Amino acid sequence: MAKNTRYYLGNGTYARRHFLRLLTAIIAILQLGGCSHKRENGAMKMDRQTILNEVSMLGGKRIFFGHQSIGENILGGLSRIFAGEGIEGLKIVNVEKSAPPGGPLLAETRIGKNGDPRGKCDAFESRVLNFPGGPPDIAVLKFCFVDFKPETDVSVLFGYYNAMVDTLRAKAPGVTLVHVTVPLTIRTPGWKKLLKRILGREESSDTLNTLRCEFNDLLRARYAQEPLLDVAALESTYADGTREEFTRNGKTAFALRSDLSSDGVHLNAEGSRLAAAEFLRVLAGAATRDAQ
């Protein structure tokens, strides 16, 4: 081949330019033919009377909710549900920098630091045991998707969570605990995985969702007879009952539906509404359990 030909591979700049053009074309094809799972949302329409009944069940209850960003999505959805139906709803008070006032309320705050689930357990335990006026009637701790890393030992973390639950039951037996599954994230699209592979970058979305699912399975099994807000199931299940799922190392795991997310990790308005409706339902059930 003549050295002055345009396609001479020794010309690194030209070769790279054509490689990038080819890669762009491949990505465009994958995006067009991509198998994004789009189905009718089929989101349930909440019945006003059901909302009123659930709010009534929570009358007189003091609730504590420790969370991070997905928790804010849920609380935002809850406020919009109440506003949309013209219902006074629950008294939601942020207690991050102040003590909760007296009387019935849903006291909420960001708990601990993201990436440190053990620290969140410690902070939650302390906040519940030192809740002004005595421990709350209902307490809810939600981990964040970022609390799980490739090196996370799920069994060790679950053991730490169980120890916290046991401590609270021993020191504050009147508190009804609501368990919450770990939120999921969307799967990285195939074209982006290809690009990361070419660039030598790590792709961990499936790995991390698998770890989250392992923790969630342990949580569901251990606390099957207790109040549980299954955020992960809600995030990954379509109206027809199918799941946003994948297989890794011979095991089935789940991911967040892209149509329920604003950015691949957090919930959009519809996702927030669905999670908020389920949150209210589970809280009402916990209140009934507490009254028995």
C-alpha atoms as a PDB file:
ATOM      1  CA  MET A   1       0.000   0.000   0.000  1.00  0.00           C
ATOM      2  CA  ALA A   2       1.402   3.414  -0.923  1.00  0.00           C
ATOM      3  CA  LYS A   3       2.380   5.532   2.028  1.00  0.00           C
ATOM      4  CA  ASN A   4       0.517   8.552   0.686  1.00  0.00           C
ATOM      5  CA  THR A   5      -2.856   6.782   0.467  1.00  0.00           C
ATOM      6  CA  ARG A   6      -5.611   8.240   2.631  1.00  0.00           C
ATOM      7  CA  TYR A   7      -6.266   4.902   4.338  1.00  0.00           C
ATOM      8  CA  TYR A   8      -2.726   4.219   5.365  1.00  0.00           C
ATOM      9  CA  LEU A   9      -3.065   3.116   9.013  1.00  0.00           C
ATOM     10  CA  GLY A  10       0.168   4.792   9.943  1.00  0.00           C
ATOM     11  CA  ASN A  11      -1.731   8.037   9.755  1.00  0.00           C
ATOM     12  CA  GLY A  12      -3.050   7.758  13.301  1.00  0.00           C
ATOM     13  CA  THR A  13      -5.188  10.907  13.222  1.00  0.00           C
ATOM     14  CA  TYR A  14      -7.073   9.848  10.115  1.00  0.00           C
ATOM     15  CA  ALA A  15      -7.551   6.293  11.348  1.00  0.00           C
ATOM     16  CA  ARG A  16      -8.933   7.484  14.686  1.00  0.00           C
ATOM     17  CA  ARG A  17     -11.313   9.887  12.948  1.00  0.00           C
ATOM     18  CA  HIS A  18     -12.770   7.110  10.828  1.00  0.00           C
ATOM     19  CA  PHE A  19     -12.952   4.764  13.798  1.00  0.00           C
ATOM     20  CA  LEU A  20     -14.977   7.324  15.751  1.00  0.00           C
ATOM     21  CA  ARG A  21     -17.299   7.826  12.762  1.00  0.00           C
ATOM     22  CA  LEU A  22     -17.842   4.086  12.562  1.00  0.00           C
ATOM     23  CA  LEU A  23     -18.463   3.867  16.297  1.00  0.00           C
ATOM     24  CA  THR A  24     -20.998   6.719  16.100  1.00  0.00           C
ATOM     25  CA  ALA A  25     -22.869   4.899  13.345  1.00  0.00           C
ATOM     26  CA  ILE A  26     -22.938   1.675  15.360  1.00  0.00           C
ATOM     27  CA  ILE A  27     -24.275   3.495  18.407  1.00  0.00           C
ATOM     28  CA  ALA A  28     -27.012   5.163  16.330  1.00  0.00           C
ATOM     29  CA  ILE A  29     -28.112   1.780  14.974  1.00  0.00           C
ATOM     30  CA  LEU A  30     -28.185   0.266  18.452  1.00  0.00           C
ATOM     31  CA  GLN A  31     -30.227   3.172  19.758  1.00  0.00           C
ATOM     32  CA  LEU A  32     -32.762   2.927  16.944  1.00  0.00           C
ATOM     33  CA  GLY A  33     -33.069  -0.811  17.213  1.00  0.00           C
ATOM     34  CA  GLY A  34     -32.638  -0.839  20.929  1.00  0.00           C
ATOM     35  CA  CYS A  35     -35.068  -2.850  22.949  1.00  0.00           C
ATOM     36  CA  SER A  36     -36.216  -0.259  25.446  1.00  0.00           C
ATOM     37  CA  HIS A  37     -39.055  -1.863  27.358  1.00  0.00           C
ATOM     38  CA  LYS A  38     -41.942   0.522  26.711  1.00  0.00           C
ATOM     39  CA  ARG A  39     -45.323  -0.525  27.915  1.00  0.00           C
ATOM     40  CA  GLU A  40     -48.375   1.279  29.063  1.00  0.00           C
ATOM     41  CA  ASN A  41     -47.654   2.598  32.499  1.00  0.00           C
ATOM     42  CA  GLY A  42     -51.040   1.415  33.688  1.00  0.00           C
ATOM     43  CA  ALA A  43     -50.506   3.327  36.898  1.00  0.00           C
ATOM     44  CA  MET A  44     -53.266   2.828  39.384  1.00  0.00           C
ATOM     45  CA  LYS A  45     -55.573   5.735  40.007  1.00  0.00           C
ATOM     46  CA  MET A  46     -55.857   6.337  43.708  1.00  0.00           C
ATOM     47  CA  ASP A  47     -59.331   6.446  45.122  1.00  0.00           C
ATOM     48  CA  ARG A  48     -59.974   9.543  47.229  1.00  0.00           C
ATOM     49  CA  GLN A  49     -61.859   7.590  49.883  1.00  0.00           C
ATOM     50  CA  THR A  50     -58.973   5.129  50.187  1.00  0.00           C
ATOM     51  CA  ILE A  51     -56.576   8.011  50.773  1.00  0.00           C
ATOM     52  CA  LEU A  52     -58.881   9.463  53.424  1.00  0.00           C
ATOM     53  CA  ASN A  53     -59.172   6.089  55.143  1.00  0.00           C
ATOM     54  CA  GLU A  54     -55.401   5.587  55.196  1.00  0.00           C
ATOM     55  CA  VAL A  55     -54.783   9.084  56.532  1.00  0.00           C
ATOM     56  CA  SER A  56     -57.424   8.433  59.202  1.00  0.00           C
ATOM     57  CA  MET A  57     -55.631   5.247  60.265  1.00  0.00           C
ATOM     58  CA  LEU A  58     -52.528   7.353  60.884  1.00  0.00           C
ATOM     59  CA  GLY A  59     -54.381   9.864  63.040  1.00  0.00           C
ATOM     60  CA  GLY A  60     -52.584  10.399  66.333  1.00  0.00           C
ATOM     61  CA  LYS A  61     -49.411   8.637  65.164  1.00  0.00           C
ATOM     62  CA  ARG A  62     -45.911  10.029  65.374  1.00  0.00           C
ATOM     63  CA  ILE A  63     -43.821   8.681  62.493  1.00  0.00           C
ATOM     64  CA  PHE A  64     -40.093   9.018  61.859  1.00  0.00           C
ATOM     65  CA  PHE A  65     -38.656   8.558  58.373  1.00  0.00           C
ATOM     66  CA  GLY A  66     -34.889   8.496  57.794  1.00  0.00           C
ATOM     67  CA  HIS A  67     -33.916   8.607  54.126  1.00  0.00           C
ATOM     68  CA  GLN A  68     -31.958  10.306  51.344  1.00  0.00           C
ATOM     69  CA  SER A  69     -32.897  11.453  47.826  1.00  0.00           C
ATOM     70  CA  ILE A  70     -35.393   8.713  46.873  1.00  0.00           C
ATOM     71  CA  GLY A  71     -37.120   9.445  50.165  1.00  0.00           C
ATOM     72  CA  GLU A  72     -37.508  13.032  49.017  1.00  0.00           C
ATOM     73  CA  ASN A  73     -39.035  11.737  45.777  1.00  0.00           C
ATOM     74  CA  ILE A  74     -41.555   9.747  47.828  1.00  0.00           C
ATOM     75  CA  LEU A  75     -42.404  12.654  50.133  1.00  0.00           C
ATOM     76  CA  GLY A  76     -42.821  14.967  47.158  1.00  0.00           C
ATOM     77  CA  GLY A  77     -45.193  12.460  45.589  1.00  0.00           C
ATOM     78  CA  LEU A  78     -47.135  12.209  48.834  1.00  0.00           C
ATOM     79  CA  SER A  79     -47.584  15.981  49.056  1.00  0.00           C
ATOM     80  CA  ARG A  80     -48.778  16.104  45.448  1.00  0.00           C
ATOM     81  CA  ILE A  81     -51.310  13.332  46.103  1.00  0.00           C
ATOM     82  CA  PHE A  82     -52.775  15.253  49.036  1.00  0.00           C
ATOM     83  CA  ALA A  83     -52.813  18.541  47.110  1.00  0.00           C
ATOM     84  CA  GLY A  84     -54.371  16.950  44.038  1.00  0.00           C
ATOM     85  CA  GLU A  85     -57.220  15.496  46.081  1.00  0.00           C
ATOM     86  CA  GLY A  86     -57.640  18.568  48.258  1.00  0.00           C
ATOM     87  CA  ILE A  87     -56.866  16.529  51.364  1.00  0.00           C
ATOM     88  CA  GLU A  88     -55.079  17.964  54.384  1.00  0.00           C
ATOM     89  CA  GLY A  89     -53.154  14.713  54.695  1.00  0.00           C
ATOM     90  CA  LEU A  90     -50.268  14.117  57.058  1.00  0.00           C
ATOM     91  CA  LYS A  91     -48.311  16.837  58.776  1.00  0.00           C
ATOM     92  CA  ILE A  92     -44.873  16.401  57.200  1.00  0.00           C
ATOM     93  CA  VAL A  93     -42.059  18.125  59.123  1.00  0.00           C
ATOM     94  CA  ASN A  94     -38.359  18.172  58.295  1.00  0.00           C
ATOM     95  CA  VAL A  95     -36.365  17.600  61.493  1.00  0.00           C
ATOM     96  CA  GLU A  96     -32.841  17.676  60.105  1.00  0.00           C
ATOM     97  CA  LYS A  97     -31.921  20.775  62.099  1.00  0.00           C
ATOM     98  CA  SER A  98     -34.724  21.031  64.626  1.00  0.00           C
ATOM     99  CA  ALA A  99     -36.701  18.897  67.029  1.00  0.00           C
ATOM    100  CA  PRO A 100     -40.131  17.721  65.935  1.00  0.00           C
ATOM    101  CA  PRO A 101     -43.101  19.548  67.437  1.00  0.00           C
ATOM    102  CA  GLY A 102     -45.600  17.737  69.592  1.00  0.00           C
ATOM    103  CA  GLY A 103     -48.619  15.919  68.256  1.00  0.00           C
ATOM    104  CA  PRO A 104     -49.167  13.620  65.272  1.00  0.00           C
ATOM    105  CA  LEU A 105     -46.743  14.070  62.394  1.00  0.00           C
ATOM    106  CA  LEU A 106     -44.462  12.499  59.857  1.00  0.00           C
ATOM    107  CA  ALA A 107     -41.000  13.663  60.908  1.00  0.00           C
ATOM    108  CA  GLU A 108     -38.495  13.207  58.109  1.00  0.00           C
ATOM    109  CA  THR A 109     -34.808  13.853  57.617  1.00  0.00           C
ATOM    110  CA  ARG A 110     -31.819  12.820  55.588  1.00  0.00           C
ATOM    111  CA  ILE A 111     -30.076  10.170  57.646  1.00  0.00           C
ATOM    112  CA  GLY A 112     -26.332   9.507  57.814  1.00  0.00           C
ATOM    113  CA  LYS A 113     -24.139   9.792  54.723  1.00  0.00           C
ATOM    114  CA  ASN A 114     -24.638   8.160  51.358  1.00  0.00           C
ATOM    115  CA  GLY A 115     -22.190   5.324  50.804  1.00  0.00           C
ATOM    116  CA  ASP A 116     -22.113   4.452  54.512  1.00  0.00           C
ATOM    117  CA  PRO A 117     -25.098   2.164  55.265  1.00  0.00           C
ATOM    118  CA  ARG A 118     -23.693   1.123  58.639  1.00  0.00           C
ATOM    119  CA  GLY A 119     -23.482   4.767  59.630  1.00  0.00           C
ATOM    120  CA  LYS A 120     -27.105   5.172  58.577  1.00  0.00           C
ATOM    121  CA  CYS A 121     -28.110   2.293  60.850  1.00  0.00           C
ATOM    122  CA  ASP A 122     -26.275   3.903  63.761  1.00  0.00           C
ATOM    123  CA  ALA A 123     -27.789   7.327  63.095  1.00  0.00           C
ATOM    124  CA  PHE A 124     -31.297   5.892  62.717  1.00  0.00           C
ATOM    125  CA  GLU A 125     -31.023   3.917  65.939  1.00  0.00           C
ATOM    126  CA  SER A 126     -29.895   7.014  67.810  1.00  0.00           C
ATOM    127  CA  ARG A 127     -32.637   9.225  66.358  1.00  0.00           C
ATOM    128  CA  VAL A 128     -35.368   6.723  67.217  1.00  0.00           C
ATOM    129  CA  LEU A 129     -34.172   6.130  70.776  1.00  0.00           C
ATOM    130  CA  ASN A 130     -33.729   9.860  71.396  1.00  0.00           C
ATOM    131  CA  PHE A 131     -36.872  11.034  69.634  1.00  0.00           C
ATOM    132  CA  PRO A 132     -38.292  14.028  71.563  1.00  0.00           C
ATOM    133  CA  GLY A 133     -41.234  13.010  73.711  1.00  0.00           C
ATOM    134  CA  GLY A 134     -40.272   9.353  73.533  1.00  0.00           C
ATOM    135  CA  PRO A 135     -39.756   6.920  70.636  1.00  0.00           C
ATOM    136  CA  PRO A 136     -42.119   7.370  67.671  1.00  0.00           C
ATOM    137  CA  ASP A 137     -45.014   5.019  67.015  1.00  0.00           C
ATOM    138  CA  ILE A 138     -43.653   4.061  63.588  1.00  0.00           C
ATOM    139  CA  ALA A 139     -40.076   4.314  62.309  1.00  0.00           C
ATOM    140  CA  VAL A 140     -38.831   3.852  58.745  1.00  0.00           C
ATOM    141  CA  LEU A 141     -35.242   3.585  57.478  1.00  0.00           C
ATOM    142  CA  LYS A 142     -34.509   3.568  53.772  1.00  0.00           C
ATOM    143  CA  PHE A 143     -31.071   2.862  52.333  1.00  0.00           C
ATOM    144  CA  CYS A 144     -30.007   4.564  49.098  1.00  0.00           C
ATOM    145  CA  PHE A 145     -28.876   2.915  45.872  1.00  0.00           C
ATOM    146  CA  VAL A 146     -25.397   4.432  46.357  1.00  0.00           C
ATOM    147  CA  ASP A 147     -24.957   2.540  49.641  1.00  0.00           C
ATOM    148  CA  PHE A 148     -24.013  -0.517  47.588  1.00  0.00           C
ATOM    149  CA  LYS A 149     -20.587  -0.740  45.982  1.00  0.00           C
ATOM    150  CA  PRO A 150     -18.864  -3.568  44.086  1.00  0.00           C
ATOM    151  CA  GLU A 151     -17.028  -4.535  47.281  1.00  0.00           C
ATOM    152  CA  THR A 152     -20.148  -4.559  49.499  1.00  0.00           C
ATOM    153  CA  ASP A 153     -20.534  -7.783  51.486  1.00  0.00           C
ATOM    154  CA  VAL A 154     -24.314  -8.171  51.471  1.00  0.00           C
ATOM    155  CA  SER A 155     -24.467 -10.786  54.236  1.00  0.00           C
ATOM    156  CA  VAL A 156     -22.334  -8.657  56.569  1.00  0.00           C
ATOM    157  CA  LEU A 157     -24.403  -5.538  55.915  1.00  0.00           C
ATOM    158  CA  PHE A 158     -27.641  -7.439  56.420  1.00  0.00           C
ATOM    159  CA  GLY A 159     -26.312  -8.768  59.714  1.00  0.00           C
ATOM    160  CA  TYR A 160     -25.555  -5.206  60.804  1.00  0.00           C
ATOM    161  CA  TYR A 161     -29.071  -4.105  59.864  1.00  0.00           C
ATOM    162  CA  ASN A 162     -30.582  -7.024  61.811  1.00  0.00           C
ATOM    163  CA  ALA A 163     -28.522  -6.118  64.878  1.00  0.00           C
ATOM    164  CA  MET A 164     -29.912  -2.569  64.726  1.00  0.00           C
ATOM    165  CA  VAL A 165     -33.466  -3.942  64.490  1.00  0.00           C
ATOM    166  CA  ASP A 166     -32.864  -6.210  67.484  1.00  0.00           C
ATOM    167  CA  THR A 167     -31.487  -3.302  69.516  1.00  0.00           C
ATOM    168  CA  LEU A 168     -34.484  -1.110  68.768  1.00  0.00           C
ATOM    169  CA  ARG A 169     -36.888  -3.902  69.663  1.00  0.00           C
ATOM    170  CA  ALA A 170     -35.140  -4.432  72.969  1.00  0.00           C
ATOM    171  CA  LYS A 171     -34.862  -0.742  73.911  1.00  0.00           C
ATOM    172  CA  ALA A 172     -38.027   0.603  72.261  1.00  0.00           C
ATOM    173  CA  PRO A 173     -40.491  -2.293  71.997  1.00  0.00           C
ATOM    174  CA  GLY A 174     -43.412   0.030  71.308  1.00  0.00           C
ATOM    175  CA  VAL A 175     -41.997   1.182  67.962  1.00  0.00           C
ATOM    176  CA  THR A 176     -43.356  -0.473  64.816  1.00  0.00           C
ATOM    177  CA  LEU A 177     -40.529  -0.707  62.280  1.00  0.00           C
ATOM    178  CA  VAL A 178     -41.222  -0.491  58.557  1.00  0.00           C
ATOM    179  CA  HIS A 179     -38.552  -2.162  56.443  1.00  0.00           C
ATOM    180  CA  VAL A 180     -37.737  -0.784  52.983  1.00  0.00           C
ATOM    181  CA  THR A 181     -36.091  -2.553  50.060  1.00  0.00           C
ATOM    182  CA  VAL A 182     -33.106  -0.859  48.459  1.00  0.00           C
ATOM    183  CA  PRO A 183     -33.983   1.236  45.382  1.00  0.00           C
ATOM    184  CA  LEU A 184     -32.630   0.117  42.000  1.00  0.00           C
ATOM    185  CA  THR A 185     -31.176   1.983  39.031  1.00  0.00           C
ATOM    186  CA  ILE A 186     -31.795   1.557  35.316  1.00  0.00           C
ATOM    187  CA  ARG A 187     -29.544  -0.769  33.337  1.00  0.00           C
ATOM    188  CA  THR A 188     -26.835   0.844  31.272  1.00  0.00           C
ATOM    189  CA  PRO A 189     -27.990   0.747  27.609  1.00  0.00           C
ATOM    190  CA  GLY A 190     -26.181  -1.724  25.373  1.00  0.00           C
ATOM    191  CA  TRP A 191     -24.585   0.954  23.224  1.00  0.00           C
ATOM    192  CA  LYS A 192     -23.180   2.700  26.298  1.00  0.00           C
ATOM    193  CA  LYS A 193     -21.805  -0.595  27.618  1.00  0.00           C
ATOM    194  CA  LEU A 194     -20.077  -1.083  24.265  1.00  0.00           C
ATOM    195  CA  LEU A 195     -18.614   2.403  24.396  1.00  0.00           C
ATOM    196  CA  LYS A 196     -17.376   1.897  27.968  1.00  0.00           C
ATOM    197  CA  ARG A 197     -15.811  -1.414  26.971  1.00  0.00           C
ATOM    198  CA  ILE A 198     -14.012   0.222  24.065  1.00  0.00           C
ATOM    199  CA  LEU A 199     -12.770   3.043  26.276  1.00  0.00           C
ATOM    200  CA  GLY A 200     -11.699   0.602  28.984  1.00  0.00           C
ATOM    201  CA  ARG A 201     -14.116   1.956  31.572  1.00  0.00           C
ATOM    202  CA  GLU A 202     -15.841  -0.184  34.183  1.00  0.00           C
ATOM    203  CA  GLU A 203     -19.553  -0.926  33.743  1.00  0.00           C
ATOM    204  CA  SER A 204     -21.135  -1.746  37.077  1.00  0.00           C
ATOM    205  CA  SER A 205     -24.897  -1.148  36.836  1.00  0.00           C
ATOM    206  CA  ASP A 206     -25.771  -4.856  36.659  1.00  0.00           C
ATOM    207  CA  THR A 207     -23.259  -5.723  39.374  1.00  0.00           C
ATOM    208  CA  LEU A 208     -24.674  -3.166  41.786  1.00  0.00           C
ATOM    209  CA  ASN A 209     -28.314  -3.973  41.054  1.00  0.00           C
ATOM    210  CA  THR A 210     -27.512  -7.639  41.689  1.00  0.00           C
ATOM    211  CA  LEU A 211     -26.101  -6.771  45.120  1.00  0.00           C
ATOM    212  CA  ARG A 212     -29.152  -4.647  45.911  1.00  0.00           C
ATOM    213  CA  CYS A 213     -31.429  -7.497  44.884  1.00  0.00           C
ATOM    214  CA  GLU A 214     -29.532  -9.938  47.106  1.00  0.00           C
ATOM    215  CA  PHE A 215     -30.066  -7.641  50.086  1.00  0.00           C
ATOM    216  CA  ASN A 216     -33.727  -7.171  49.191  1.00  0.00           C
ATOM    217  CA  ASP A 217     -34.285 -10.929  48.987  1.00  0.00           C
ATOM    218  CA  LEU A 218     -32.835 -11.342  52.477  1.00  0.00           C
ATOM    219  CA  LEU A 219     -35.012  -8.505  53.773  1.00  0.00           C
ATOM    220  CA  ARG A 220     -38.210  -9.936  52.297  1.00  0.00           C
ATOM    221  CA  ALA A 221     -37.478 -13.409  53.660  1.00  0.00           C
ATOM    222  CA  ARG A 222     -36.570 -12.334  57.183  1.00  0.00           C
ATOM    223  CA  TYR A 223     -39.317  -9.747  57.631  1.00  0.00           C
ATOM    224  CA  ALA A 224     -42.062 -11.334  55.552  1.00  0.00           C
ATOM    225  CA  GLN A 225     -44.588 -10.957  58.372  1.00  0.00           C
ATOM    226  CA  GLU A 226     -43.765  -7.324  59.113  1.00  0.00           C
ATOM    227  CA  PRO A 227     -44.553  -4.010  57.403  1.00  0.00           C
ATOM    228  CA  LEU A 228     -42.371  -3.678  54.320  1.00  0.00           C
ATOM    229  CA  LEU A 229     -42.251  -0.969  51.673  1.00  0.00           C
ATOM    230  CA  ASP A 230     -41.021  -2.795  48.574  1.00  0.00           C
ATOM    231  CA  VAL A 231     -39.626   0.110  46.573  1.00  0.00           C
ATOM    232  CA  ALA A 232     -37.516  -2.214  44.405  1.00  0.00           C
ATOM    233  CA  ALA A 233     -40.502  -4.315  43.317  1.00  0.00           C
ATOM    234  CA  LEU A 234     -42.521  -1.213  42.526  1.00  0.00           C
ATOM    235  CA  GLU A 235     -39.662   0.278  40.506  1.00  0.00           C
ATOM    236  CA  SER A 236     -39.101  -2.841  38.409  1.00  0.00           C
ATOM    237  CA  THR A 237     -42.633  -4.161  37.782  1.00  0.00           C
ATOM    238  CA  TYR A 238     -44.754  -3.255  34.741  1.00  0.00           C
ATOM    239  CA  ALA A 239     -48.543  -3.015  34.685  1.00  0.00           C
ATOM    240  CA  ASP A 240     -48.806  -6.473  33.102  1.00  0.00           C
ATOM    241  CA  GLY A 241     -46.812  -8.037  35.933  1.00  0.00           C
ATOM    242  CA  THR A 242     -43.584  -8.503  33.990  1.00  0.00           C
ATOM    243  CA  ARG A 243     -40.338  -7.203  35.446  1.00  0.00           C
ATOM    244  CA  GLU A 244     -37.391  -5.202  34.194  1.00  0.00           C
ATOM    245  CA  GLU A 245     -35.014  -8.106  34.745  1.00  0.00           C
ATOM    246  CA  PHE A 246     -31.711  -9.578  33.675  1.00  0.00           C
ATOM    247  CA  THR A 247     -29.559 -12.596  34.458  1.00  0.00           C
ATOM    248  CA  ARG A 248     -26.109 -12.361  35.986  1.00  0.00           C
ATOM    249  CA  ASN A 249     -24.008 -15.363  36.979  1.00  0.00           C
ATOM    250  CA  GLY A 250     -27.055 -17.588  36.573  1.00  0.00           C
ATOM    251  CA  LYS A 251     -29.237 -15.489  38.901  1.00  0.00           C
ATOM    252  CA  THR A 252     -32.162 -13.283  38.018  1.00  0.00           C
ATOM    253  CA  ALA A 253     -31.961  -9.685  39.205  1.00  0.00           C
ATOM    254  CA  PHE A 254     -34.023  -6.560  38.578  1.00  0.00           C
ATOM    255  CA  ALA A 255     -33.580  -2.950  37.527  1.00  0.00           C
ATOM    256  CA  LEU A 256     -35.472   0.323  37.636  1.00  0.00           C
ATOM    257  CA  ARG A 257     -37.952   0.912  34.804  1.00  0.00           C
ATOM    258  CA  SER A 258     -36.590   3.755  32.698  1.00  0.00           C
ATOM    259  CA  ASP A 259     -40.093   5.239  32.283  1.00  0.00           C
ATOM    260  CA  LEU A 260     -40.300   5.805  36.053  1.00  0.00           C
ATOM    261  CA  SER A 261     -36.998   7.653  36.302  1.00  0.00           C
ATOM    262  CA  SER A 262     -35.909  11.224  35.682  1.00  0.00           C
ATOM    263  CA  ASP A 263     -32.207  10.499  35.375  1.00  0.00           C
ATOM    264  CA  GLY A 264     -31.668   6.744  35.580  1.00  0.00           C
ATOM    265  CA  VAL A 265     -31.488   6.640  39.366  1.00  0.00           C
ATOM    266  CA  HIS A 266     -34.147   8.934  40.866  1.00  0.00           C
ATOM    267  CA  LEU A 267     -37.912   8.742  40.446  1.00  0.00           C
ATOM    268  CA  ASN A 268     -39.808  11.038  38.119  1.00  0.00           C
ATOM    269  CA  ALA A 269     -43.263  12.447  38.926  1.00  0.00           C
ATOM    270  CA  GLU A 270     -45.073   9.215  38.058  1.00  0.00           C
ATOM    271  CA  GLY A 271     -42.565   7.016  39.877  1.00  0.00           C
ATOM    272  CA  SER A 272     -42.779   9.288  42.912  1.00  0.00           C
ATOM    273  CA  ARG A 273     -46.569   9.113  42.886  1.00  0.00           C
ATOM    274  CA  LEU A 274     -46.606   5.326  42.740  1.00  0.00           C
ATOM    275  CA  ALA A 275     -44.037   5.028  45.527  1.00  0.00           C
ATOM    276  CA  ALA A 276     -45.879   7.588  47.655  1.00  0.00           C
ATOM    277  CA  ALA A 277     -49.185   5.749  47.287  1.00  0.00           C
ATOM    278  CA  GLU A 278     -47.538   2.519  48.408  1.00  0.00           C
ATOM    279  CA  PHE A 279     -45.760   4.311  51.259  1.00  0.00           C
ATOM    280  CA  LEU A 280     -49.085   5.616  52.545  1.00  0.00           C
ATOM    281  CA  ARG A 281     -50.674   2.171  52.268  1.00  0.00           C
ATOM    282  CA  VAL A 282     -47.826   0.493  54.171  1.00  0.00           C
ATOM    283  CA  LEU A 283     -47.823   3.169  56.885  1.00  0.00           C
ATOM    284  CA  ALA A 284     -51.561   2.701  57.377  1.00  0.00           C
ATOM    285  CA  GLY A 285     -51.043  -1.037  57.691  1.00  0.00           C
ATOM    286  CA  ALA A 286     -48.270  -0.472  60.229  1.00  0.00           C
ATOM    287  CA  ALA A 287     -50.571   1.784  62.241  1.00  0.00           C
ATOM    288  CA  THR A 288     -53.218  -0.926  62.317  1.00  0.00           C
ATOM    289  CA  ARG A 289     -50.608  -3.435  63.438  1.00  0.00           C
ATOM    290  CA  ASP A 290     -49.445  -1.013  66.110  1.00  0.00           C
ATOM    291  CA  ALA A 291     -52.992  -0.702  67.431  1.00  0.00           C
ATOM    292  CA  GLN A 292     -53.450  -4.458  67.849  1.00  0.00           C
END
